[in-house]
Protein backbone atom coordinates (compact mmCIF):
# COMPACT_ATOMS: atom_id res chain seq x y z
CA UNK A 1 -3.13 -9.25 4.77
CA UNK A 2 -1.26 -12.43 4.02
CA UNK A 3 -4.17 -14.24 2.43
CA UNK A 4 -5.81 -11.31 0.72
CA UNK A 5 -2.94 -9.71 -1.09
CA UNK A 6 0.24 -11.74 -1.20
CA UNK A 7 -0.76 -14.21 -3.89
CA UNK A 8 -2.09 -11.57 -6.32
CA UNK A 9 1.02 -9.41 -5.78
CA UNK A 10 3.36 -12.36 -6.27
CA UNK A 11 1.54 -13.37 -9.46
CA UNK A 12 1.51 -9.77 -10.72
CA UNK A 13 5.26 -9.45 -10.19
CA UNK A 14 5.98 -12.80 -11.81
CA UNK A 15 3.91 -11.95 -14.89
CA UNK A 16 5.50 -8.55 -15.32
CA UNK A 17 9.09 -9.38 -14.42
CA UNK A 18 9.60 -12.88 -15.82
CA UNK A 19 11.24 -13.60 -19.13
CA UNK A 20 10.40 -16.32 -21.60
CA UNK A 21 13.19 -18.72 -22.44
CA UNK A 22 12.48 -21.79 -24.62
CA UNK A 23 8.76 -21.52 -23.89
CA UNK A 24 9.18 -21.29 -20.12
CA UNK A 25 8.77 -18.11 -18.09
CA UNK A 26 11.25 -17.67 -15.28
CA UNK A 27 12.90 -15.13 -13.04
CA UNK A 28 16.53 -15.40 -12.15
CA UNK A 29 18.35 -13.69 -9.31
CA UNK A 30 15.15 -12.24 -7.90
CA UNK A 31 13.11 -13.53 -4.97
CA UNK A 32 9.69 -12.51 -6.31
CA UNK A 33 7.97 -14.61 -3.63
CA UNK A 34 9.42 -12.63 -0.72
CA UNK A 35 9.28 -9.28 -2.51
CA UNK A 36 5.69 -9.91 -3.63
CA UNK A 37 4.70 -10.95 -0.13
CA UNK A 38 6.23 -7.88 1.49
CA UNK A 39 4.99 -5.37 -1.06
CA UNK A 40 1.54 -6.96 -0.98
CA UNK A 41 1.31 -6.61 2.80
CA UNK A 42 2.60 -3.02 2.58
CA UNK A 43 -0.01 -2.03 -0.01
CA UNK A 44 -2.82 -3.80 1.83
CA UNK A 45 -2.02 -2.08 5.12
CA UNK A 46 -2.04 1.29 3.33
CA UNK A 47 -5.33 0.31 1.69
CA UNK A 48 -6.88 -0.55 5.07
CA UNK A 49 -5.79 2.78 6.56
CA UNK A 50 -7.00 4.71 3.53
CA UNK A 51 -10.47 3.12 3.61
CA UNK A 52 -11.01 3.07 7.38
CA UNK A 53 -13.95 5.52 7.23
CA UNK A 54 -15.67 3.89 4.27
CA UNK A 55 -15.24 0.48 5.86
CA UNK A 56 -16.53 1.64 9.26
CA UNK A 57 -19.55 3.21 7.55
CA UNK A 58 -20.27 -0.24 6.08
CA UNK A 59 -19.58 -2.14 9.32
CA UNK A 60 -16.37 -3.62 7.90
CA UNK A 61 -13.33 -3.77 10.15
CA UNK A 62 -9.99 -4.94 8.85
CA UNK A 63 -7.86 -3.55 11.67
CA UNK A 64 -7.25 -6.26 14.25
CA UNK A 65 -8.80 -5.38 17.60
CA UNK A 66 -5.58 -6.51 19.27
CA UNK A 67 -3.75 -3.72 17.40
CA UNK A 68 -6.40 -1.14 18.32
CA UNK A 69 -6.24 -2.14 21.99
CA UNK A 70 -2.54 -1.22 22.08
CA UNK A 71 -3.74 2.38 21.73
CA UNK A 72 -6.78 2.10 24.00
CA UNK A 73 -9.06 2.00 20.98
CA UNK A 74 -12.02 -0.22 20.14
CA UNK A 75 -14.10 -0.82 17.06
CA UNK A 76 -16.74 1.44 18.61
CA UNK A 77 -14.22 4.29 18.65
CA UNK A 78 -13.59 3.85 14.92
CA UNK A 79 -17.35 4.00 14.28
CA UNK A 80 -17.59 7.13 16.44
CA UNK A 81 -14.68 8.78 14.59
CA UNK A 82 -16.28 7.95 11.27
CA UNK A 83 -19.57 9.51 12.39
CA UNK A 84 -17.83 12.63 13.72
CA UNK A 85 -15.51 12.96 10.71
CA UNK A 86 -12.35 13.14 12.84
CA UNK A 87 -10.35 10.92 15.14
CA UNK A 88 -8.27 11.77 18.19
CA UNK A 89 -4.67 11.55 19.43
CA UNK A 90 -5.04 7.82 20.10
CA UNK A 91 -5.92 7.24 16.47
CA UNK A 92 -3.01 9.45 15.36
CA UNK A 93 -0.66 7.31 17.42
CA UNK A 94 -2.20 4.14 16.04
CA UNK A 95 -1.91 5.48 12.48
CA UNK A 96 1.79 6.27 12.93
CA UNK A 97 2.37 2.81 14.38
CA UNK A 98 0.53 1.05 11.54
CA UNK A 99 2.21 3.16 8.86
CA UNK A 100 5.58 2.24 10.38
CA UNK A 101 4.58 -1.42 10.26
CA UNK A 102 3.65 -1.02 6.59
CA UNK A 103 6.86 0.85 5.80
CA UNK A 104 8.94 -1.95 7.32
CA UNK A 105 7.48 -4.35 4.75
CA UNK A 106 8.10 -1.83 1.97
CA UNK A 107 11.66 -1.08 3.06
CA UNK A 108 12.62 -4.73 3.14
CA UNK A 109 11.86 -5.18 -0.56
CA UNK A 110 11.92 -1.92 -2.49
CA UNK A 111 15.67 -1.97 -3.13
CA UNK A 112 15.48 -5.45 -4.62
CA UNK A 113 12.71 -4.61 -7.03
CA UNK A 114 14.27 -1.27 -8.02
CA UNK A 115 17.33 -3.04 -9.37
CA UNK A 116 15.25 -5.57 -11.25
CA UNK A 117 12.97 -2.96 -12.84
CA UNK A 118 15.96 -1.52 -14.69
CA UNK A 119 16.41 -4.86 -16.50
CA UNK A 120 12.93 -5.18 -18.00
CA UNK A 121 11.09 -3.39 -20.82
CA UNK A 122 9.80 0.06 -19.91
CA UNK A 123 6.13 -0.80 -20.38
CA UNK A 124 6.33 -3.57 -17.79
CA UNK A 125 8.41 -1.42 -15.43
CA UNK A 126 5.78 1.32 -15.82
CA UNK A 127 3.01 -1.04 -14.63
CA UNK A 128 4.92 -1.90 -11.45
CA UNK A 129 6.13 1.63 -10.77
CA UNK A 130 2.67 3.18 -11.11
CA UNK A 131 1.37 0.91 -8.34
CA UNK A 132 4.40 1.52 -6.12
CA UNK A 133 4.29 5.30 -6.55
CA UNK A 134 0.53 5.45 -5.95
CA UNK A 135 0.83 3.60 -2.65
CA UNK A 136 3.88 5.67 -1.66
CA UNK A 137 1.80 8.81 -2.16
CA UNK A 138 -1.15 7.33 -0.29
CA UNK A 139 1.14 6.58 2.66
CA UNK A 140 2.46 10.14 2.57
CA UNK A 141 -1.08 11.56 2.45
CA UNK A 142 -2.15 9.35 5.36
CA UNK A 143 0.79 10.58 7.42
CA UNK A 144 -0.17 14.19 6.68
CA UNK A 145 -3.92 13.77 7.18
CA UNK A 146 -3.65 11.90 10.47
CA UNK A 147 -6.97 11.55 12.23
CA UNK A 148 -8.65 13.67 9.52
CA UNK A 149 -8.82 10.49 7.42
CA UNK A 150 -12.33 10.19 8.88
CA UNK A 151 -13.41 13.38 7.08
CA UNK A 152 -14.15 11.45 3.90
CA UNK A 153 -11.88 13.66 1.78
CA UNK A 154 -10.01 11.87 -0.98
CA UNK A 155 -6.42 11.26 0.01
CA UNK A 156 -5.26 11.22 -3.59
CA UNK A 157 -7.30 13.44 -5.93
CA UNK A 158 -7.33 12.73 -9.68
CA UNK A 159 -4.75 15.46 -10.28
CA UNK A 160 -2.32 13.58 -8.06
CA UNK A 161 -2.80 10.39 -10.06
CA UNK A 162 -1.91 12.29 -13.25
CA UNK A 163 1.13 13.79 -11.55
CA UNK A 164 2.32 10.34 -10.46
CA UNK A 165 1.83 9.00 -13.97
CA UNK A 166 3.92 11.82 -15.45
CA UNK A 167 6.66 11.33 -12.86
CA UNK A 168 6.85 7.62 -13.66
CA UNK A 169 6.94 8.25 -17.41
CA UNK A 170 9.71 10.84 -16.97
CA UNK A 171 11.70 8.51 -14.71
CA UNK A 172 11.69 5.85 -17.43
CA UNK A 173 12.87 8.20 -20.19
């Protein structure tokens, strides 16, 4: 997670949240490096959990085996679940554990960014909030779907994306 997502998230936050002063972009009173790191890891963990079936079907495994072993799971089990379209109680326990891990990263930074978003133009705040809300909803859908994530059903249908967009627009007005 650290290599794959932190730098893009940090850069994204800097570009959207910084202000130009005398030709130089800067951020004051905001640790965009830590917040970007934490939110990047959070989103990437959610992304891994969301795509576990698609990845398994393509022989891609982003979940560390060490983490799977904590729940008496192996890569072969993930492949089997993907083929069957459903997991088991071990995967449910793993999913809860990994979602908690992701939420810890989110919780450590969301308050900081929420304050800062109120200080910037609405169009830039919208861009950040749409990403945050989408991943919040994905996490909620993962929690509800549990081991059924292997069914191949979309966790966030198009209607949900529109709903999120409207909620964000209304929150900024």
